[in-house]
C-alpha atoms as a PDB file:
ATOM      1  CA  MET A   1      67.604 108.693  77.419  1.00  0.00           C
ATOM      2  CA  VAL A   2      70.445 111.142  77.749  1.00  0.00           C
ATOM      3  CA  THR A   3      69.454 114.753  77.404  1.00  0.00           C
ATOM      4  CA  GLU A   4      71.540 117.865  77.286  1.00  0.00           C
ATOM      5  CA  ASN A   5      70.193 118.925  80.669  1.00  0.00           C
ATOM      6  CA  SER A   6      71.304 115.661  82.319  1.00  0.00           C
ATOM      7  CA  ILE A   7      74.784 116.015  80.803  1.00  0.00           C
ATOM      8  CA  GLN A   8      75.074 119.553  82.200  1.00  0.00           C
ATOM      9  CA  LYS A   9      73.975 118.363  85.651  1.00  0.00           C
ATOM     10  CA  SER A  10      76.507 115.546  85.642  1.00  0.00           C
ATOM     11  CA  LEU A  11      79.285 117.945  84.600  1.00  0.00           C
ATOM     12  CA  ILE A  12      78.344 120.350  87.379  1.00  0.00           C
ATOM     13  CA  ASN A  13      78.388 117.493  89.889  1.00  0.00           C
ATOM     14  CA  THR A  14      81.788 116.378  88.596  1.00  0.00           C
ATOM     15  CA  PHE A  15      83.222 119.883  88.997  1.00  0.00           C
ATOM     16  CA  ILE A  16      81.783 120.134  92.514  1.00  0.00           C
ATOM     17  CA  TYR A  17      83.362 116.817  93.509  1.00  0.00           C
ATOM     18  CA  ILE A  18      86.720 117.764  91.998  1.00  0.00           C
ATOM     19  CA  GLY A  19      86.588 121.151  93.751  1.00  0.00           C
ATOM     20  CA  LEU A  20      85.811 119.567  97.110  1.00  0.00           C
ATOM     21  CA  LEU A  21      88.575 117.032  96.618  1.00  0.00           C
ATOM     22  CA  ILE A  22      91.115 119.764  95.887  1.00  0.00           C
ATOM     23  CA  ILE A  23      89.952 121.892  98.809  1.00  0.00           C
ATOM     24  CA  PHE A  24      90.107 119.049 101.294  1.00  0.00           C
ATOM     25  CA  ASN A  25      93.485 117.876 100.051  1.00  0.00           C
ATOM     26  CA  PHE A  26      95.003 121.323 100.553  1.00  0.00           C
ATOM     27  CA  VAL A  27      93.094 122.640 103.567  1.00  0.00           C
ATOM     28  CA  LEU A  28      92.570 119.591 105.757  1.00  0.00           C
ATOM     29  CA  PRO A  29      96.248 119.080 106.702  1.00  0.00           C
ATOM     30  CA  TYR A  30      96.493 122.696 107.856  1.00  0.00           C
ATOM     31  CA  ILE A  31      93.271 122.418 109.849  1.00  0.00           C
ATOM     32  CA  ILE A  32      94.453 119.266 111.580  1.00  0.00           C
ATOM     33  CA  THR A  33      97.880 120.759 112.305  1.00  0.00           C
ATOM     34  CA  TYR A  34      96.511 123.960 113.847  1.00  0.00           C
ATOM     35  CA  LEU A  35      93.868 122.173 115.910  1.00  0.00           C
ATOM     36  CA  LEU A  36      96.386 119.633 117.182  1.00  0.00           C
ATOM     37  CA  ALA A  37      98.777 122.439 118.138  1.00  0.00           C
ATOM     38  CA  GLY A  38      95.953 124.175 120.009  1.00  0.00           C
ATOM     39  CA  ILE A  39      94.989 121.014 121.865  1.00  0.00           C
ATOM     40  CA  LEU A  40      98.594 120.317 122.828  1.00  0.00           C
ATOM     41  CA  GLU A  41      98.815 123.782 124.406  1.00  0.00           C
ATOM     42  CA  VAL A  42      96.252 122.840 127.061  1.00  0.00           C
ATOM     43  CA  PRO A  43      98.153 122.491 130.348  1.00  0.00           C
ATOM     44  CA  THR A  44      98.448 118.882 131.417  1.00  0.00           C
ATOM     45  CA  GLU A  45      98.042 119.938 135.054  1.00  0.00           C
ATOM     46  CA  LEU A  46      94.424 120.877 134.388  1.00  0.00           C
ATOM     47  CA  ILE A  47      93.681 117.515 132.822  1.00  0.00           C
ATOM     48  CA  GLU A  48      95.470 115.638 135.610  1.00  0.00           C
ATOM     49  CA  ASN A  49      93.564 117.575 138.284  1.00  0.00           C
ATOM     50  CA  ALA A  50      90.290 116.862 136.543  1.00  0.00           C
ATOM     51  CA  LYS A  51      91.108 113.146 136.440  1.00  0.00           C
ATOM     52  CA  LEU A  52      91.948 113.243 140.148  1.00  0.00           C
ATOM     53  CA  ASP A  53      88.494 114.721 140.743  1.00  0.00           C
ATOM     54  CA  LYS A  54      87.011 111.715 138.888  1.00  0.00           C
ATOM     55  CA  ILE A  55      85.715 113.737 135.943  1.00  0.00           C
ATOM     56  CA  SER A  56      85.021 111.681 132.809  1.00  0.00           C
ATOM     57  CA  ASN A  57      87.080 112.133 129.664  1.00  0.00           C
ATOM     58  CA  LEU A  58      84.058 113.507 127.807  1.00  0.00           C
ATOM     59  CA  LYS A  59      83.516 116.220 130.429  1.00  0.00           C
ATOM     60  CA  ILE A  60      87.230 117.026 130.415  1.00  0.00           C
ATOM     61  CA  PHE A  61      87.057 117.480 126.660  1.00  0.00           C
ATOM     62  CA  LEU A  62      83.820 119.502 126.745  1.00  0.00           C
ATOM     63  CA  TYR A  63      84.565 121.728 129.734  1.00  0.00           C
ATOM     64  CA  ILE A  64      88.359 122.125 129.647  1.00  0.00           C
ATOM     65  CA  VAL A  65      89.827 121.365 126.231  1.00  0.00           C
ATOM     66  CA  ILE A  66      87.216 122.984 123.981  1.00  0.00           C
ATOM     67  CA  PRO A  67      87.033 126.314 125.884  1.00  0.00           C
ATOM     68  CA  MET A  68      90.821 126.563 125.982  1.00  0.00           C
ATOM     69  CA  THR A  69      91.118 125.887 122.253  1.00  0.00           C
ATOM     70  CA  SER A  70      88.251 128.129 121.154  1.00  0.00           C
ATOM     71  CA  SER A  71      90.643 130.819 119.921  1.00  0.00           C
ATOM     72  CA  THR A  72      92.461 128.243 117.799  1.00  0.00           C
ATOM     73  CA  GLY A  73      89.139 126.979 116.475  1.00  0.00           C
ATOM     74  CA  LEU A  74      88.083 130.515 115.589  1.00  0.00           C
ATOM     75  CA  TYR A  75      91.395 131.089 113.784  1.00  0.00           C
ATOM     76  CA  VAL A  76      91.012 127.862 111.805  1.00  0.00           C
ATOM     77  CA  MET A  77      87.420 128.749 110.907  1.00  0.00           C
ATOM     78  CA  VAL A  78      88.381 132.207 109.625  1.00  0.00           C
ATOM     79  CA  ILE A  79      91.338 130.894 107.621  1.00  0.00           C
ATOM     80  CA  THR A  80      89.182 128.144 106.093  1.00  0.00           C
ATOM     81  CA  ILE A  81      86.448 130.615 105.099  1.00  0.00           C
ATOM     82  CA  LEU A  82      89.039 132.936 103.566  1.00  0.00           C
ATOM     83  CA  PHE A  83      90.509 130.024 101.625  1.00  0.00           C
ATOM     84  CA  PHE A  84      87.077 129.079 100.295  1.00  0.00           C
ATOM     85  CA  LEU A  85      86.376 132.673  99.260  1.00  0.00           C
ATOM     86  CA  TYR A  86      89.692 133.033  97.495  1.00  0.00           C
END
């Protein structure tokens, strides 16, 4: 049985899904672009030296790449929050 309350809930869910779809279609390319630019700014010498020291790729990512791109990540986080608030 379809009630008015169930119709309102389904409309709210539809608007939420449409809103998320719009947000991700507009914001996700910018997020990916900025994060990729930040990762590409990591000096290759550091990564090569870490590989010479037999450090695994996971540790290179966790201990070299992420700390060096934390400012980019913070920028992306702030811009994304501002976009959601706008």
